[in-house]
Amino acid sequence: MKRSNQWVLGMIATLGLASGVALAQSHGMGPGMMHGMGMMRGMGMMHGMDHGEAAGGHRPMAGAVNMLTRQDEGSSADMDLVHEMLMNHTRIKRTVTNLPNGIKTVTESDDPKVAQTIKAHVASMSQRLKDGREFNIFSTTLPVLFENRDKIQSVVEVTEKGSIVTRTSTDPKVVAALQGHATEVTELVQEGMVAMRRGMMARMARGSAVH
């Protein structure tokens, strides 16, 4: 099975658990019942995948893919880049400087392969922001940035080990979103999949899945 597909199955289980938690909390259920509901939902979706249900029609899509705001021909490649960085998050070094009008981030790795992944991801996301093609799995701030992309000034510097990104705006709401998103990404670097799951659950709670 292709690595990205294996990751997708993991996200299915994750979203199953997240949905179970949200539903259980709304009905006042305890941790034991919540755990059971999440596991059952996740396993049920994975069972459907095992029986050849496809991406179209009514088959259950992979959890992470379903969280995308929208899908396009570049989604699969971008998913692979995100996966690579999450699996190697301990090899990534990141610093964030909050500016009065935005942020400056330095994201690098001493591992040449991870460094190349960082460069490819930054380049792809920068192009998506320019084109207005949102790619969002976990973030509650990215929708604001894409909706106001014409108010963002970006400077991307490619380094030997990664990328330095400066994004600024004259709109206070956009500045807050830029700084908020920088924090979200830093949490991914620090915690990997733990932060990803937390972000996905927060986004689900806000009703910000595919639209």
Protein backbone atom coordinates (compact mmCIF):
# COMPACT_ATOMS: atom_id res chain seq x y z
CA MET A 1 0.00 0.00 0.00
CA LYS A 2 1.30 3.46 -0.85
CA ARG A 3 2.58 5.37 2.17
CA SER A 4 0.13 8.25 1.75
CA ASN A 5 -2.74 5.76 1.70
CA GLN A 6 -1.53 4.22 4.95
CA TRP A 7 -1.49 7.66 6.49
CA VAL A 8 -4.99 8.26 5.19
CA LEU A 9 -6.26 5.13 6.99
CA GLY A 10 -4.73 6.45 10.18
CA MET A 11 -6.60 9.71 9.71
CA ILE A 12 -9.83 7.78 9.23
CA ALA A 13 -9.43 6.26 12.65
CA THR A 14 -8.49 9.65 14.07
CA LEU A 15 -11.57 11.35 12.69
CA GLY A 16 -13.71 8.46 13.87
CA LEU A 17 -12.43 9.02 17.39
CA ALA A 18 -12.88 12.78 17.11
CA SER A 19 -16.47 12.44 15.94
CA GLY A 20 -17.19 9.97 18.71
CA VAL A 21 -15.80 12.36 21.32
CA ALA A 22 -17.86 15.29 20.07
CA LEU A 23 -21.07 13.25 19.93
CA ALA A 24 -20.46 11.66 23.31
CA GLN A 25 -19.78 14.98 24.98
CA SER A 26 -22.98 16.42 23.60
CA HIS A 27 -24.87 13.48 25.21
CA GLY A 28 -23.01 13.56 28.50
CA MET A 29 -21.26 10.22 28.04
CA GLY A 30 -18.24 9.19 30.05
CA PRO A 31 -14.69 8.49 28.78
CA GLY A 32 -15.24 4.76 28.45
CA MET A 33 -18.31 5.10 26.25
CA MET A 34 -16.65 7.89 24.28
CA HIS A 35 -13.63 5.70 23.55
CA GLY A 36 -15.84 2.88 22.38
CA MET A 37 -17.86 5.08 20.06
CA GLY A 38 -14.75 6.56 18.50
CA MET A 39 -13.13 3.18 17.94
CA MET A 40 -16.30 1.71 16.46
CA ARG A 41 -16.72 4.61 14.04
CA GLY A 42 -13.10 4.54 12.99
CA MET A 43 -13.05 0.77 12.52
CA GLY A 44 -16.30 0.88 10.58
CA MET A 45 -14.90 3.38 8.10
CA MET A 46 -11.71 1.40 7.73
CA HIS A 47 -13.74 -1.76 7.16
CA GLY A 48 -15.53 -0.05 4.29
CA MET A 49 -12.22 0.94 2.73
CA ASP A 50 -10.98 -2.63 3.00
CA HIS A 51 -13.92 -3.73 0.90
CA GLY A 52 -12.98 -1.56 -2.05
CA GLU A 53 -15.24 1.43 -1.61
CA ALA A 54 -13.91 4.16 -3.89
CA ALA A 55 -13.38 7.92 -3.74
CA GLY A 56 -16.54 8.70 -5.66
CA GLY A 57 -20.16 7.98 -4.89
CA HIS A 58 -21.00 7.20 -1.29
CA ARG A 59 -17.84 5.45 -0.17
CA PRO A 60 -16.10 6.84 2.92
CA MET A 61 -13.16 8.98 1.91
CA ALA A 62 -9.97 9.08 3.90
CA GLY A 63 -10.36 11.24 6.98
CA ALA A 64 -7.54 13.65 6.18
CA VAL A 65 -8.66 14.04 2.56
CA ASN A 66 -12.23 14.75 3.67
CA MET A 67 -10.90 17.55 5.88
CA LEU A 68 -9.54 19.39 2.85
CA THR A 69 -11.48 22.56 2.10
CA ARG A 70 -11.39 21.47 -1.51
CA GLN A 71 -9.41 18.99 -3.60
CA ASP A 72 -7.49 19.54 -6.82
CA GLU A 73 -4.83 17.83 -8.91
CA GLY A 74 -2.10 18.93 -6.52
CA SER A 75 -3.77 17.73 -3.33
CA SER A 76 -2.15 14.29 -3.31
CA ALA A 77 1.37 15.66 -3.70
CA ASP A 78 0.77 18.26 -1.00
CA MET A 79 -0.61 15.56 1.30
CA ASP A 80 2.60 13.60 0.83
CA LEU A 81 4.69 16.63 1.77
CA VAL A 82 2.65 17.22 4.92
CA HIS A 83 3.00 13.55 5.82
CA GLU A 84 6.77 13.64 5.37
CA MET A 85 7.12 16.66 7.63
CA LEU A 86 4.86 15.23 10.32
CA MET A 87 6.78 11.96 10.36
CA ASN A 88 10.07 13.87 10.61
CA HIS A 89 8.93 16.76 12.81
CA THR A 90 11.71 16.13 15.35
CA ARG A 91 14.24 16.90 12.60
CA ILE A 92 12.75 20.32 11.89
CA LYS A 93 13.89 23.54 13.55
CA ARG A 94 11.55 26.52 13.49
CA THR A 95 11.59 30.03 14.88
CA VAL A 96 8.81 32.61 14.61
CA THR A 97 9.11 36.35 15.03
CA ASN A 98 5.86 38.26 15.43
CA LEU A 99 6.15 41.59 13.63
CA PRO A 100 3.84 44.57 14.23
CA ASN A 101 2.28 43.84 10.85
CA GLY A 102 2.77 40.10 10.45
CA ILE A 103 5.30 37.32 10.94
CA LYS A 104 8.75 36.12 9.96
CA THR A 105 9.38 32.38 10.17
CA VAL A 106 12.53 30.33 9.72
CA THR A 107 11.87 26.64 9.10
CA GLU A 108 14.88 24.42 8.43
CA SER A 109 16.36 20.96 8.89
CA ASP A 110 19.89 19.56 8.99
CA ASP A 111 18.53 16.53 7.11
CA PRO A 112 18.85 17.29 3.35
CA LYS A 113 15.73 15.28 2.47
CA VAL A 114 13.59 17.00 5.11
CA ALA A 115 15.03 20.37 4.08
CA GLN A 116 13.94 19.72 0.51
CA THR A 117 10.46 18.75 1.72
CA ILE A 118 10.21 22.03 3.63
CA LYS A 119 11.20 24.00 0.53
CA ALA A 120 8.69 22.16 -1.64
CA HIS A 121 5.89 22.64 0.89
CA VAL A 122 6.56 26.36 1.32
CA ALA A 123 6.71 26.86 -2.45
CA SER A 124 3.47 24.96 -3.01
CA MET A 125 1.57 26.72 -0.21
CA SER A 126 2.83 30.12 -1.37
CA GLN A 127 1.58 29.42 -4.89
CA ARG A 128 -1.74 28.20 -3.54
CA LEU A 129 -2.15 31.39 -1.51
CA LYS A 130 -1.38 33.45 -4.61
CA ASP A 131 -3.87 31.46 -6.71
CA GLY A 132 -6.53 31.23 -4.00
CA ARG A 133 -6.46 27.41 -4.01
CA GLU A 134 -6.89 26.63 -0.34
CA PHE A 135 -5.26 23.46 1.01
CA ASN A 136 -6.35 23.05 4.61
CA ILE A 137 -6.58 19.97 6.82
CA PHE A 138 -6.33 21.25 10.36
CA SER A 139 -6.11 25.05 10.49
CA THR A 140 -8.80 27.41 11.76
CA THR A 141 -6.81 30.44 10.58
CA LEU A 142 -6.05 29.52 6.95
CA PRO A 143 -9.60 30.31 5.73
CA VAL A 144 -9.10 33.93 6.86
CA LEU A 145 -5.76 34.13 5.06
CA PHE A 146 -7.09 32.73 1.79
CA GLU A 147 -10.18 34.94 1.90
CA ASN A 148 -7.91 37.98 2.36
CA ARG A 149 -4.94 36.90 0.25
CA ASP A 150 -4.97 40.18 -1.67
CA LYS A 151 -4.15 41.95 1.62
CA ILE A 152 -1.01 39.87 2.27
CA GLN A 153 2.50 40.76 1.15
CA SER A 154 4.84 37.76 1.04
CA VAL A 155 8.61 37.38 0.77
CA VAL A 156 10.02 33.84 0.60
CA GLU A 157 13.74 33.18 0.87
CA VAL A 158 15.01 29.69 0.10
CA THR A 159 17.99 28.70 2.25
CA GLU A 160 20.29 25.71 2.13
CA LYS A 161 18.30 24.01 4.88
CA GLY A 162 14.77 25.25 4.28
CA SER A 163 12.89 28.52 3.94
CA ILE A 164 12.50 31.93 5.52
CA VAL A 165 9.02 33.40 5.07
CA THR A 166 7.87 36.93 5.84
CA ARG A 167 4.19 37.74 5.44
CA THR A 168 2.70 41.11 6.36
CA SER A 169 -0.59 42.98 6.08
CA THR A 170 -2.12 46.33 6.96
CA ASP A 171 -5.34 44.62 8.08
CA PRO A 172 -5.30 43.81 11.84
CA LYS A 173 -7.55 40.77 11.34
CA VAL A 174 -5.17 39.34 8.76
CA VAL A 175 -2.15 40.07 10.96
CA ALA A 176 -3.82 38.14 13.80
CA ALA A 177 -4.52 35.22 11.43
CA LEU A 178 -0.93 35.23 10.16
CA GLN A 179 0.40 35.06 13.70
CA GLY A 180 -2.18 32.47 14.70
CA HIS A 181 -1.29 30.24 11.76
CA ALA A 182 2.41 30.55 12.54
CA THR A 183 1.62 29.23 16.02
CA GLU A 184 -0.37 26.33 14.56
CA VAL A 185 2.53 25.30 12.34
CA THR A 186 5.01 25.60 15.21
CA GLU A 187 2.82 23.22 17.24
CA LEU A 188 2.98 20.72 14.37
CA VAL A 189 6.78 20.95 14.39
CA GLN A 190 6.88 20.45 18.14
CA GLU A 191 4.22 17.75 18.52
CA GLY A 192 3.69 16.14 15.12
CA MET A 193 0.49 14.10 14.78
CA VAL A 194 -0.69 15.06 18.27
CA ALA A 195 -1.01 18.67 17.14
CA MET A 196 -2.54 17.61 13.82
CA ARG A 197 -5.29 15.64 15.56
CA ARG A 198 -5.97 18.52 17.94
CA GLY A 199 -6.25 20.95 15.05
CA MET A 200 -8.54 18.68 13.07
CA MET A 201 -10.86 18.27 16.05
CA ALA A 202 -10.94 22.04 16.59
CA ARG A 203 -11.78 22.60 12.95
CA MET A 204 -14.52 19.97 13.06
CA ALA A 205 -15.97 21.60 16.18
CA ARG A 206 -16.19 24.91 14.28
CA GLY A 207 -17.93 23.22 11.37
CA SER A 208 -15.11 24.18 9.02
CA ALA A 209 -14.78 20.99 7.00
CA VAL A 210 -15.27 20.82 3.24
CA HIS A 211 -17.60 23.45 1.80
